[in-house]
Amino acid sequence: MTNAMRRRSQPSHKENQPSGFVRPQAGNVHNFQTSYERYSTLARAEALTGDRIVAENYFQHAEHYFRAMRDNQS
């Protein structure tokens, strides 16, 4: 199998993103807060449906933006 064939067989990252996903701009506190709220909401929704793995992933994303907001305030 050639490298080109391996690359084609790997799934696209876009398939794993929620619909309507917009990557936030780095460095903007408002974008950090918006992303934090978005991922927190997604995490809670997944936790309610019982998908703990996906919920934990979203909680980790939310935590990243929470820390970014905190670090930006210092």
N, C-alpha and C. Protein backbone atom coordinates (compact mmCIF):
# COMPACT_ATOMS: atom_id res chain seq x y z
N MET A 1 0.85 -1.18 0.00
CA MET A 1 0.00 0.00 0.00
C MET A 1 0.90 1.24 0.00
N THR A 2 0.65 2.17 -0.89
CA THR A 2 1.47 3.38 -0.97
C THR A 2 0.98 4.43 0.03
N ASN A 3 1.82 5.44 0.25
CA ASN A 3 1.43 6.51 1.17
C ASN A 3 0.17 7.23 0.69
N ALA A 4 0.04 7.44 -0.60
CA ALA A 4 -1.14 8.11 -1.14
C ALA A 4 -2.40 7.29 -0.84
N MET A 5 -2.31 5.98 -0.95
CA MET A 5 -3.46 5.13 -0.67
C MET A 5 -3.81 5.17 0.82
N ARG A 6 -2.81 5.23 1.69
CA ARG A 6 -3.08 5.30 3.13
C ARG A 6 -3.79 6.60 3.48
N ARG A 7 -3.33 7.70 2.88
CA ARG A 7 -3.95 8.99 3.17
C ARG A 7 -5.41 9.02 2.75
N ARG A 8 -5.73 8.42 1.65
CA ARG A 8 -7.12 8.42 1.17
C ARG A 8 -8.02 7.58 2.07
N SER A 9 -7.48 6.57 2.69
CA SER A 9 -8.31 5.68 3.49
C SER A 9 -8.59 6.23 4.89
N GLN A 10 -7.87 7.29 5.27
CA GLN A 10 -8.11 7.86 6.60
C GLN A 10 -9.34 8.76 6.54
N PRO A 11 -10.17 8.71 7.59
CA PRO A 11 -11.38 9.53 7.59
C PRO A 11 -11.04 11.02 7.70
N SER A 12 -11.89 11.81 7.14
CA SER A 12 -11.72 13.26 7.20
C SER A 12 -12.09 13.77 8.59
N HIS A 13 -11.38 14.76 9.08
CA HIS A 13 -11.70 15.34 10.39
C HIS A 13 -13.03 16.07 10.37
N LYS A 14 -13.44 16.52 9.21
CA LYS A 14 -14.71 17.24 9.11
C LYS A 14 -15.89 16.34 9.44
N GLU A 15 -15.74 15.03 9.24
CA GLU A 15 -16.82 14.11 9.55
C GLU A 15 -17.09 14.02 11.04
N ASN A 16 -16.09 14.34 11.86
CA ASN A 16 -16.23 14.23 13.31
C ASN A 16 -16.71 15.51 13.97
N GLN A 17 -16.85 16.58 13.21
CA GLN A 17 -17.24 17.85 13.79
C GLN A 17 -18.76 17.97 13.82
N PRO A 18 -19.29 18.63 14.89
CA PRO A 18 -20.73 18.83 14.96
C PRO A 18 -21.20 19.68 13.77
N SER A 19 -22.43 19.47 13.35
CA SER A 19 -22.94 20.28 12.24
C SER A 19 -22.99 21.74 12.67
N GLY A 20 -22.67 22.61 11.75
CA GLY A 20 -22.63 24.03 12.07
C GLY A 20 -21.38 24.44 12.81
N PHE A 21 -20.39 23.56 12.87
CA PHE A 21 -19.16 23.83 13.61
C PHE A 21 -18.40 24.97 12.95
N VAL A 22 -18.03 25.96 13.76
CA VAL A 22 -17.20 27.06 13.29
C VAL A 22 -16.01 27.15 14.22
N ARG A 23 -14.81 27.06 13.68
CA ARG A 23 -13.61 27.14 14.52
C ARG A 23 -13.45 28.56 15.02
N PRO A 24 -13.36 28.75 16.35
CA PRO A 24 -13.23 30.09 16.91
C PRO A 24 -11.87 30.72 16.60
N GLN A 25 -11.85 32.03 16.56
CA GLN A 25 -10.59 32.76 16.38
C GLN A 25 -9.85 32.80 17.71
N ALA A 26 -8.56 32.52 17.68
CA ALA A 26 -7.75 32.48 18.89
C ALA A 26 -7.54 33.89 19.43
N GLY A 27 -7.46 34.01 20.74
CA GLY A 27 -7.09 35.26 21.37
C GLY A 27 -8.23 36.20 21.71
N ASN A 28 -9.44 35.89 21.33
CA ASN A 28 -10.56 36.75 21.61
C ASN A 28 -11.34 36.17 22.78
N VAL A 29 -11.44 36.94 23.88
CA VAL A 29 -12.09 36.45 25.10
C VAL A 29 -13.54 36.08 24.82
N HIS A 30 -14.20 36.87 24.00
CA HIS A 30 -15.60 36.57 23.68
C HIS A 30 -15.71 35.22 22.98
N ASN A 31 -14.80 34.94 22.07
CA ASN A 31 -14.81 33.65 21.38
C ASN A 31 -14.51 32.51 22.33
N PHE A 32 -13.62 32.74 23.30
CA PHE A 32 -13.33 31.71 24.30
C PHE A 32 -14.60 31.39 25.09
N GLN A 33 -15.30 32.43 25.52
CA GLN A 33 -16.51 32.22 26.31
C GLN A 33 -17.59 31.53 25.49
N THR A 34 -17.76 31.95 24.25
CA THR A 34 -18.75 31.33 23.37
C THR A 34 -18.43 29.85 23.17
N SER A 35 -17.17 29.55 22.93
CA SER A 35 -16.77 28.16 22.73
C SER A 35 -16.94 27.35 24.01
N TYR A 36 -16.61 27.95 25.14
CA TYR A 36 -16.79 27.27 26.43
C TYR A 36 -18.27 26.91 26.63
N GLU A 37 -19.14 27.87 26.39
CA GLU A 37 -20.57 27.63 26.57
C GLU A 37 -21.09 26.58 25.59
N ARG A 38 -20.61 26.65 24.33
CA ARG A 38 -21.05 25.69 23.32
C ARG A 38 -20.67 24.27 23.71
N TYR A 39 -19.39 24.07 24.10
CA TYR A 39 -18.94 22.73 24.44
C TYR A 39 -19.55 22.23 25.75
N SER A 40 -19.80 23.14 26.68
CA SER A 40 -20.47 22.73 27.93
C SER A 40 -21.88 22.24 27.63
N THR A 41 -22.58 22.96 26.76
CA THR A 41 -23.94 22.57 26.39
C THR A 41 -23.94 21.24 25.66
N LEU A 42 -23.01 21.06 24.73
CA LEU A 42 -22.92 19.79 24.01
C LEU A 42 -22.59 18.65 24.98
N ALA A 43 -21.71 18.90 25.93
CA ALA A 43 -21.33 17.86 26.89
C ALA A 43 -22.51 17.45 27.75
N ARG A 44 -23.26 18.42 28.24
CA ARG A 44 -24.43 18.10 29.07
C ARG A 44 -25.47 17.32 28.27
N ALA A 45 -25.68 17.72 27.01
CA ALA A 45 -26.66 17.03 26.17
C ALA A 45 -26.24 15.57 25.94
N GLU A 46 -24.96 15.36 25.67
CA GLU A 46 -24.48 13.98 25.46
C GLU A 46 -24.55 13.17 26.75
N ALA A 47 -24.28 13.81 27.88
CA ALA A 47 -24.36 13.11 29.16
C ALA A 47 -25.80 12.65 29.43
N LEU A 48 -26.77 13.49 29.05
CA LEU A 48 -28.17 13.13 29.25
C LEU A 48 -28.60 11.97 28.36
N THR A 49 -27.99 11.85 27.19
CA THR A 49 -28.33 10.73 26.31
C THR A 49 -27.60 9.45 26.69
N GLY A 50 -26.63 9.58 27.60
CA GLY A 50 -25.92 8.40 28.08
C GLY A 50 -24.61 8.11 27.38
N ASP A 51 -24.19 8.98 26.48
CA ASP A 51 -22.92 8.76 25.78
C ASP A 51 -21.80 9.43 26.56
N ARG A 52 -21.25 8.72 27.52
CA ARG A 52 -20.24 9.28 28.42
C ARG A 52 -18.94 9.61 27.72
N ILE A 53 -18.58 8.86 26.72
CA ILE A 53 -17.31 9.08 26.01
C ILE A 53 -17.35 10.42 25.27
N VAL A 54 -18.40 10.63 24.50
CA VAL A 54 -18.52 11.89 23.75
C VAL A 54 -18.69 13.06 24.72
N ALA A 55 -19.44 12.85 25.79
CA ALA A 55 -19.63 13.91 26.79
C ALA A 55 -18.29 14.31 27.40
N GLU A 56 -17.47 13.34 27.74
CA GLU A 56 -16.16 13.64 28.32
C GLU A 56 -15.29 14.41 27.34
N ASN A 57 -15.35 14.05 26.08
CA ASN A 57 -14.60 14.77 25.06
C ASN A 57 -15.03 16.24 25.02
N TYR A 58 -16.33 16.48 25.01
CA TYR A 58 -16.82 17.86 25.00
C TYR A 58 -16.45 18.59 26.30
N PHE A 59 -16.52 17.90 27.44
CA PHE A 59 -16.12 18.53 28.71
C PHE A 59 -14.64 18.94 28.66
N GLN A 60 -13.81 18.12 28.05
CA GLN A 60 -12.39 18.47 27.94
C GLN A 60 -12.19 19.68 27.05
N HIS A 61 -12.95 19.78 25.97
CA HIS A 61 -12.88 20.96 25.13
C HIS A 61 -13.32 22.20 25.91
N ALA A 62 -14.41 22.07 26.65
CA ALA A 62 -14.92 23.19 27.45
C ALA A 62 -13.87 23.63 28.46
N GLU A 63 -13.21 22.67 29.09
CA GLU A 63 -12.17 23.00 30.07
C GLU A 63 -11.02 23.76 29.42
N HIS A 64 -10.66 23.39 28.20
CA HIS A 64 -9.60 24.09 27.48
C HIS A 64 -9.96 25.57 27.33
N TYR A 65 -11.18 25.86 26.90
CA TYR A 65 -11.59 27.25 26.71
C TYR A 65 -11.74 27.98 28.04
N PHE A 66 -12.16 27.28 29.09
CA PHE A 66 -12.24 27.89 30.41
C PHE A 66 -10.86 28.34 30.86
N ARG A 67 -9.87 27.48 30.67
CA ARG A 67 -8.50 27.85 31.05
C ARG A 67 -7.97 28.99 30.19
N ALA A 68 -8.32 28.99 28.92
CA ALA A 68 -7.89 30.08 28.03
C ALA A 68 -8.47 31.41 28.50
N MET A 69 -9.74 31.40 28.91
CA MET A 69 -10.37 32.63 29.43
C MET A 69 -9.65 33.08 30.69
N ARG A 70 -9.38 32.14 31.60
CA ARG A 70 -8.71 32.47 32.86
C ARG A 70 -7.31 33.02 32.61
N ASP A 71 -6.57 32.38 31.72
CA ASP A 71 -5.20 32.82 31.43
C ASP A 71 -5.19 34.19 30.76
N ASN A 72 -6.19 34.46 29.96
CA ASN A 72 -6.27 35.73 29.25
C ASN A 72 -6.61 36.87 30.20
N GLN A 73 -7.29 36.59 31.31
CA GLN A 73 -7.65 37.63 32.28
C GLN A 73 -6.47 38.01 33.15
N SER A 74 -5.47 37.16 33.26
CA SER A 74 -4.31 37.43 34.13
C SER A 74 -3.39 38.45 33.54
